[in-house]
Protein backbone atom coordinates (compact mmCIF):
# COMPACT_ATOMS: atom_id res chain seq x y z
CA MET A 1 97.88 63.67 134.94
CA LYS A 2 100.96 62.17 132.51
CA THR A 3 98.36 61.36 130.39
CA LEU A 4 97.61 64.57 129.93
CA ILE A 5 100.97 65.88 129.75
CA LEU A 6 101.64 64.00 126.72
CA ILE A 7 98.79 64.64 124.96
CA GLY A 8 100.07 67.81 125.53
CA LEU A 9 103.41 67.38 124.11
CA PHE A 10 102.10 65.77 121.44
CA VAL A 11 100.25 68.98 120.22
CA VAL A 12 102.68 71.22 120.31
CA SER A 13 104.89 69.00 118.47
CA ALA A 14 101.72 68.69 115.84
CA LEU A 15 101.41 72.37 115.99
CA ALA A 16 105.20 72.57 114.84
CA ALA A 17 105.51 69.79 112.86
CA PRO A 18 104.91 70.91 108.49
CA ARG A 19 103.39 68.75 105.86
CA SER A 20 104.42 65.95 104.31
CA GLY A 21 106.98 66.22 101.85
CA TYR A 22 108.82 68.72 104.44
CA GLU A 23 111.87 68.94 106.22
CA GLU A 24 111.24 68.63 110.31
CA LEU A 25 110.91 71.33 111.99
CA GLU A 26 111.89 71.97 115.50
CA LEU A 27 109.91 73.36 118.24
CA ALA A 28 110.87 76.98 119.19
CA LYS A 29 113.28 77.66 122.32
CA LYS A 30 113.24 80.63 124.61
CA CYS A 31 116.10 83.13 122.61
CA ASP A 32 119.58 82.91 123.60
CA LYS A 33 120.68 86.08 123.11
CA GLU A 34 123.96 85.34 122.55
CA LEU A 35 123.37 82.99 120.34
CA CYS A 36 120.74 85.32 118.01
CA GLN A 37 122.98 88.10 116.77
CA LEU A 38 122.76 90.59 114.03
CA PRO A 39 122.79 90.76 111.06
CA ASN A 40 121.25 87.59 110.72
CA CYS A 41 119.25 87.00 114.43
CA ARG A 42 117.14 88.67 116.36
CA CYS A 43 115.52 88.36 119.41
CA SER A 44 111.48 89.69 119.50
CA SER A 45 112.02 92.20 121.59
CA ALA A 46 111.11 96.34 121.77
CA GLY A 47 114.48 96.62 122.47
CA ILE A 48 116.48 99.29 120.04
CA PRO A 49 118.68 97.04 117.95
CA GLY A 50 122.43 97.47 118.30
CA GLY A 51 121.43 99.04 121.94
CA LEU A 52 121.22 102.32 121.03
CA ASN A 53 118.95 105.20 122.38
CA ALA A 54 115.75 106.31 120.98
CA LYS A 55 117.44 110.00 120.83
CA ASP A 56 119.98 108.44 118.49
CA VAL A 57 118.59 106.69 115.81
CA PRO A 58 116.03 107.06 112.82
CA GLN A 59 112.39 107.00 113.15
CA LEU A 60 111.83 105.09 110.52
CA VAL A 61 108.34 104.62 108.71
CA LEU A 62 106.88 102.05 106.13
CA LEU A 63 104.25 103.70 104.12
CA THR A 64 102.94 100.55 102.53
CA PHE A 65 99.96 99.74 99.97
CA ASP A 66 97.50 96.56 100.01
CA ASP A 67 95.94 95.29 96.58
CA ALA A 68 95.94 95.40 93.07
CA VAL A 69 97.91 98.73 91.40
CA ASN A 70 95.97 100.00 88.60
CA ILE A 71 94.50 103.36 86.84
CA ALA A 72 92.11 103.66 90.15
CA ASN A 73 95.09 103.93 92.34
CA ILE A 74 98.12 104.91 90.78
CA ASN A 75 97.74 108.77 90.55
CA TYR A 76 97.87 108.76 94.18
CA TYR A 77 100.75 107.45 94.65
CA GLU A 78 102.99 109.31 92.10
CA GLU A 79 101.06 112.23 94.07
CA ILE A 80 102.52 111.01 97.52
CA PHE A 81 106.11 110.28 96.80
CA ASP A 82 106.55 113.17 93.67
CA GLY A 83 110.09 115.06 94.43
CA LYS A 84 110.30 113.68 98.34
CA VAL A 85 113.42 113.08 99.55
CA ASN A 86 114.58 111.74 103.50
CA PRO A 87 117.58 113.57 105.53
CA ASP A 88 119.87 111.90 103.56
CA GLY A 89 119.28 112.60 100.08
CA CYS A 90 117.37 109.31 99.09
CA PRO A 91 113.86 109.52 97.41
CA ILE A 92 111.16 108.34 100.19
CA ALA A 93 110.00 105.24 99.35
CA GLY A 94 106.80 102.47 99.94
CA THR A 95 106.28 99.08 99.69
CA PHE A 96 103.82 97.84 97.52
CA PHE A 97 101.74 94.47 98.42
CA VAL A 98 100.49 93.69 95.18
CA SER A 99 97.86 90.94 94.29
CA GLN A 100 97.43 89.46 91.05
CA GLU A 101 94.10 90.27 89.69
CA TYR A 102 93.60 93.80 88.32
CA THR A 103 97.24 95.07 88.40
CA ASP A 104 98.88 97.05 85.66
CA TYR A 105 102.06 95.56 85.99
CA SER A 106 103.48 98.00 83.55
CA SER A 107 102.45 100.74 86.95
CA ILE A 108 104.52 97.73 89.17
CA HIS A 109 107.69 98.23 86.52
CA SER A 110 107.41 102.50 87.07
CA LEU A 111 106.43 102.20 90.93
CA SER A 112 110.04 100.25 90.78
CA SER A 113 112.41 101.97 88.52
CA LYS A 114 111.48 104.91 91.13
CA GLY A 115 112.77 103.20 93.51
CA HIS A 116 110.03 101.44 95.96
CA GLU A 117 109.44 98.17 96.45
CA ILE A 118 107.21 95.64 95.42
CA ALA A 119 105.92 92.63 97.78
CA LEU A 120 103.74 89.34 97.69
CA HIS A 121 99.92 89.87 98.52
CA SER A 122 99.46 86.92 96.83
CA ILE A 123 97.79 85.54 93.30
CA THR A 124 93.95 85.16 93.93
CA HIS A 125 93.49 86.88 97.64
CA GLN A 126 90.73 84.94 97.41
CA THR A 127 88.16 84.15 100.61
CA PRO A 128 87.19 82.73 103.13
CA THR A 129 90.30 83.62 105.47
CA GLY A 130 89.86 79.67 106.38
CA TYR A 131 91.68 78.96 102.96
CA TRP A 132 94.62 80.94 104.29
CA ARG A 133 94.47 79.91 107.37
CA ASN A 134 94.74 75.66 106.23
CA LEU A 135 96.78 76.52 103.59
CA SER A 136 99.65 73.89 103.08
CA VAL A 137 103.35 74.68 102.29
CA GLU A 138 102.79 73.75 98.64
CA GLY A 139 99.75 75.76 98.48
CA HIS A 140 101.68 79.43 99.92
CA MET A 141 104.77 78.29 97.69
CA LYS A 142 101.88 78.25 94.20
CA GLU A 143 100.11 81.76 95.93
CA PHE A 144 103.65 83.50 96.43
CA ALA A 145 106.86 82.20 95.35
CA ASP A 146 104.97 81.50 91.97
CA GLN A 147 103.80 84.95 92.16
CA ARG A 148 106.97 86.36 92.82
CA VAL A 149 107.86 84.57 89.24
CA LEU A 150 104.80 85.99 87.78
CA MET A 151 105.58 89.33 88.75
CA SER A 152 109.48 89.34 87.85
CA ASN A 153 108.31 88.39 84.13
CA LEU A 154 105.28 90.24 83.81
CA ALA A 155 106.30 93.69 85.04
CA LYS A 156 109.94 93.42 83.83
CA ILE A 157 111.59 93.87 87.43
CA PRO A 158 114.42 91.64 88.88
CA LYS A 159 112.80 88.70 91.08
CA LYS A 160 115.25 89.16 93.77
CA SER A 161 114.71 92.37 94.39
CA ILE A 162 111.06 91.09 95.65
CA GLN A 163 111.54 90.37 98.95
CA GLY A 164 108.80 89.89 101.55
CA ILE A 165 105.06 89.49 101.74
CA ARG A 166 101.69 90.29 103.38
CA LEU A 167 98.83 87.58 103.65
CA PRO A 168 95.27 88.55 102.66
CA PHE A 169 93.58 89.36 106.19
CA LEU A 170 96.34 88.94 107.77
CA GLN A 171 95.65 85.43 108.43
CA LEU A 172 98.73 82.96 109.60
CA SER A 173 98.42 79.57 109.11
CA GLY A 174 100.90 78.48 111.37
CA ASN A 175 104.12 77.70 110.52
CA ASN A 176 103.42 77.23 106.74
CA SER A 177 103.90 80.83 105.20
CA PHE A 178 106.94 81.18 107.09
CA GLU A 179 108.62 77.79 105.72
CA MET A 180 107.52 78.98 102.34
CA ILE A 181 109.67 82.19 103.24
CA LYS A 182 112.58 80.10 103.80
CA LYS A 183 111.86 77.51 101.14
CA ALA A 184 110.69 80.07 98.82
CA ASP A 185 114.63 82.70 98.86
CA LEU A 186 112.34 85.03 100.30
CA LYS A 187 113.22 87.36 103.71
CA TYR A 188 109.70 88.72 105.49
CA ASP A 189 106.31 88.55 106.33
CA ALA A 190 104.81 91.74 107.34
CA SER A 191 101.13 90.53 108.21
CA TRP A 192 101.19 89.81 111.97
CA PRO A 193 99.89 92.91 114.08
CA THR A 194 100.50 93.46 117.63
CA SER A 195 100.26 95.71 120.36
CA LYS A 196 103.57 95.95 121.72
CA PHE A 197 106.14 98.48 120.09
CA LEU A 198 108.56 95.23 118.77
CA TRP A 199 111.63 95.97 116.29
CA PRO A 200 111.58 93.56 113.25
CA TYR A 201 112.82 90.55 114.81
CA THR A 202 113.70 86.93 113.17
CA LEU A 203 112.37 83.61 113.85
CA ASP A 204 115.33 81.28 114.62
CA TYR A 205 114.01 81.39 118.56
CA LYS A 206 110.34 81.66 120.39
CA THR A 207 108.75 84.93 119.76
CA THR A 208 107.20 87.26 122.60
CA GLN A 209 104.30 88.89 119.95
CA GLU A 210 100.69 87.76 120.79
CA CYS A 211 98.95 86.47 118.38
CA PRO A 212 95.56 87.51 117.66
CA ILE A 213 95.12 85.99 114.45
CA GLY A 214 96.58 82.36 114.86
CA PRO A 215 97.79 80.06 114.36
CA CYS A 216 100.54 81.73 114.95
CA PRO A 217 104.64 80.15 113.99
CA THR A 218 105.71 77.61 116.99
CA ALA A 219 108.81 76.58 115.25
CA SER A 220 112.35 77.55 115.04
CA ILE A 221 112.44 78.93 110.91
CA PRO A 222 116.24 80.83 111.30
CA GLY A 223 116.91 83.67 108.80
CA VAL A 224 113.44 84.09 108.34
CA TRP A 225 112.54 88.03 109.61
CA VAL A 226 108.67 89.26 110.68
CA SER A 227 108.22 93.23 110.62
CA PRO A 228 105.72 93.14 113.27
CA MET A 229 102.49 95.31 112.55
CA THR A 230 101.90 97.86 115.42
CA TYR A 231 98.12 98.49 115.76
CA TRP A 232 97.11 101.89 115.47
CA LYS A 233 94.34 103.65 117.83
CA ASP A 234 91.57 105.42 116.61
CA ASP A 235 90.19 108.36 119.09
CA LEU A 236 88.11 105.83 121.30
CA ASP A 237 91.63 104.01 122.11
CA VAL A 238 90.17 100.59 119.87
CA TRP A 239 93.13 99.18 118.21
CA CYS A 240 93.42 98.28 114.71
CA SER A 241 96.30 97.17 111.97
CA MET A 242 95.29 98.78 108.61
CA VAL A 243 94.66 102.39 109.45
CA ASP A 244 91.69 102.14 107.14
CA ALA A 245 89.75 99.82 109.69
CA CYS A 246 90.18 102.10 112.10
CA VAL A 247 86.27 103.16 113.12
CA ASN A 248 86.02 106.24 115.23
CA ILE A 249 87.93 109.02 113.45
CA PRO A 250 87.24 112.27 112.65
CA ASP A 251 86.09 113.25 109.72
CA ASP A 252 87.69 116.84 108.98
CA VAL A 253 91.38 117.14 107.50
CA ASP A 254 92.56 118.48 110.68
CA GLY A 255 90.84 116.11 113.23
CA LEU A 256 92.72 113.06 110.80
CA LEU A 257 96.04 114.82 110.82
CA SER A 258 96.09 115.14 114.37
CA PHE A 259 94.79 111.66 114.94
CA MET A 260 97.99 110.36 112.73
CA ILE A 261 100.59 112.83 114.52
CA ARG A 262 99.15 111.05 117.60
CA ASN A 263 99.86 107.19 116.33
CA PHE A 264 103.00 108.65 114.88
CA GLU A 265 104.44 109.80 118.40
CA SER A 266 103.81 107.25 120.10
CA HIS A 267 106.67 105.53 118.25
CA TYR A 268 109.18 109.05 118.28
CA LEU A 269 108.66 109.77 121.66
CA ASP A 270 109.26 105.97 122.96
CA ASN A 271 111.28 103.35 120.97
CA ARG A 272 111.22 104.49 117.39
CA SER A 273 110.43 101.45 116.69
CA PRO A 274 109.02 101.61 113.17
CA PHE A 275 106.45 103.29 112.35
CA GLY A 276 103.47 102.03 109.70
CA PHE A 277 101.15 103.60 107.83
CA TYR A 278 99.16 100.33 106.63
CA LEU A 279 96.45 101.00 103.83
CA HIS A 280 94.44 100.05 101.20
CA ALA A 281 94.12 103.54 98.54
CA ALA A 282 90.45 102.99 98.88
CA TRP A 283 90.21 104.70 101.64
CA PHE A 284 91.37 107.78 99.56
CA GLY A 285 88.38 107.79 97.60
CA ARG A 286 85.97 107.50 100.92
CA ASN A 287 86.60 110.82 101.95
CA GLU A 288 88.43 113.62 99.92
CA ASN A 289 89.55 114.88 103.18
CA HIS A 290 91.77 111.33 103.87
CA PHE A 291 94.41 112.12 100.73
CA THR A 292 94.61 115.59 102.12
CA ALA A 293 95.49 115.02 105.22
CA TYR A 294 97.65 111.85 104.19
CA LEU A 295 99.36 114.34 102.26
CA LYS A 296 99.67 117.20 105.26
CA PHE A 297 101.02 114.44 107.11
CA ILE A 298 103.75 113.06 104.84
CA ASP A 299 104.78 116.98 104.38
CA TYR A 300 104.88 116.97 108.54
CA LEU A 301 106.90 114.02 108.59
CA GLN A 302 109.81 115.97 106.29
CA LYS A 303 110.31 118.60 108.84
CA PHE A 304 112.10 116.10 111.14
CA LYS A 305 115.95 115.76 110.46
CA ASP A 306 115.76 111.72 111.99
CA VAL A 307 112.61 110.68 110.46
CA TYR A 308 112.96 108.33 107.10
CA LEU A 309 110.31 107.30 104.91
CA VAL A 310 111.68 104.12 103.45
CA SER A 311 110.83 100.64 101.92
CA LEU A 312 110.12 97.90 104.01
CA GLN A 313 113.58 96.23 103.03
CA ARG A 314 115.61 99.45 103.68
CA ALA A 315 114.26 99.34 107.06
CA LEU A 316 115.59 96.24 107.79
CA GLU A 317 119.00 96.66 106.27
CA TRP A 318 119.11 99.20 109.11
CA VAL A 319 118.02 97.08 111.50
CA GLN A 320 120.61 94.28 110.49
CA ASN A 321 123.30 97.06 110.44
CA PRO A 322 122.13 99.73 113.45
CA SER A 323 123.88 102.80 113.72
CA LYS A 324 123.86 105.98 115.00
CA LEU A 325 121.66 109.35 112.75
CA ASP A 326 125.63 110.47 112.73
CA ASN A 327 127.06 107.45 111.32
CA LEU A 328 123.97 106.68 108.64
CA LYS A 329 125.82 107.27 105.30
CA ASN A 330 128.85 105.06 106.31
CA SER A 331 126.92 102.14 108.05
CA TRP A 332 123.29 102.61 105.88
CA PRO A 333 124.90 104.38 102.55
CA ASN A 334 122.38 102.90 99.55
CA CYS A 335 119.24 104.36 98.80
CA GLN A 336 116.90 101.90 97.11
CA PRO A 337 118.23 100.33 94.12
CA ARG A 338 116.72 102.11 91.88
CA HIS A 339 116.27 100.97 87.05
CA LYS A 340 116.17 102.82 83.90
CA TYR A 341 111.97 102.43 82.89
CA THR A 342 112.21 100.11 80.10
CA CYS A 343 108.41 98.95 79.83
CA GLU A 344 106.64 98.52 76.15
CA LYS A 345 103.63 97.87 77.32
CA HIS A 346 101.05 95.33 75.78
CA THR A 347 97.68 94.63 76.88
CA CYS A 348 97.04 90.78 77.18
CA GLU A 349 93.14 89.50 76.72
CA ILE A 350 92.92 86.41 78.66
CA ARG A 351 89.95 84.14 78.91
CA LYS A 352 89.20 83.10 83.10
CA GLY A 353 86.45 81.05 82.93
CA GLU A 354 83.67 82.15 81.21
CA GLU A 355 84.92 85.38 80.93
CA TYR A 356 87.80 88.02 79.44
CA ARG A 357 89.99 89.77 81.27
CA TYR A 358 92.69 92.48 80.25
CA MET A 359 96.37 92.59 81.45
CA THR A 360 98.60 95.63 80.77
CA ILE A 361 102.09 94.03 81.16
CA CYS A 362 105.80 95.03 80.12
CA GLY A 363 106.76 92.63 76.82
CA THR A 364 105.21 92.10 73.53
CA GLU A 365 102.10 89.59 72.79
CA ASP A 366 104.45 86.62 73.23
CA ASP A 367 104.91 87.51 76.69
CA CYS A 368 101.21 87.19 77.68
CA PRO A 369 100.06 83.88 80.18
CA GLU A 370 99.04 81.06 78.12
CA LYS A 371 96.21 81.25 81.04
CA TYR A 372 94.77 83.87 83.59
CA PRO A 373 97.31 83.55 85.99
CA TRP A 374 95.24 81.47 89.28
CA VAL A 375 95.50 78.79 92.15
CA PHE A 376 92.88 76.34 92.41
CA PRO A 377 91.93 75.31 95.93
CA GLU A 378 93.48 72.67 97.32
CA ASP A 379 92.15 68.96 97.70
CA PRO A 380 90.65 68.52 101.09
């Protein structure tokens, strides 16, 4: 029995240990609510930040989009957000988890200039999923920290404005991606599905979130935030983390709208944990009713005086400094940062293997990458 216990302890320690060359990580312990206090620490919980009542807090809605931004989807995004504002007068905003390949960086600049959040979805987005599951901390640095620099340079947006990641295929790698977030001075991950109505929390202590696409983190990684991806339920009560992955849903506009409202109400009528509408824009092209229903749903949300469609960064700002609806202007005063549109478009021709790729950037020919941005697989 003693031998089995020792083996078990060794396995747990191995799961918490980082790759060679990185500071040793401690195994996360049960959360100490007395020590873990906002704004920089929060235990994983369905409890409303600040101990507030659901009726007194804003329902935060997170509109997120994954993958490349380009001519195939930018018109959808412009129509979704054009002219719409939250109850505080701030424009509604979304979060774009951008992958490098096929991205038009002038469109990234445009989205950022309108107050949307730009986040990271990797340079390569390559298959198979085992690549991400086994990727080291240094491998994640190449995929995400390097992408952050690339995005800032080619889209001409502030590097510090880029704070979050979503892993391709939502495939976690234990502690490694979260250790990368801390090492790269990023802030949060939004890749982790859950059936629980959890509010965002930090990894200072052991999580209460289940692990559907493991391995999940076991170490204490202070200050790194997790924005849980609460599952939707389709019409047969089957869970889906991305809305475009929901199978048993209607085809008609009214049916789709009812499906969206039902999932929204599961948060709004409960603990008002952030409601995420997670999509790949390609879903809009599968059936024209998808986009029509989506626009109707946004219009439906606009009727509420306590519903705010915000970027993930702004949602985390509220979580870190929670306040009642009647005090939002004092405690949550700033809209999502915007900047003047200053992009001068230039198309770069860059060789990738045996073919040429064309990238639209903000800049001149001198700003074009010398080599096509990519990451090569790590050695076994």
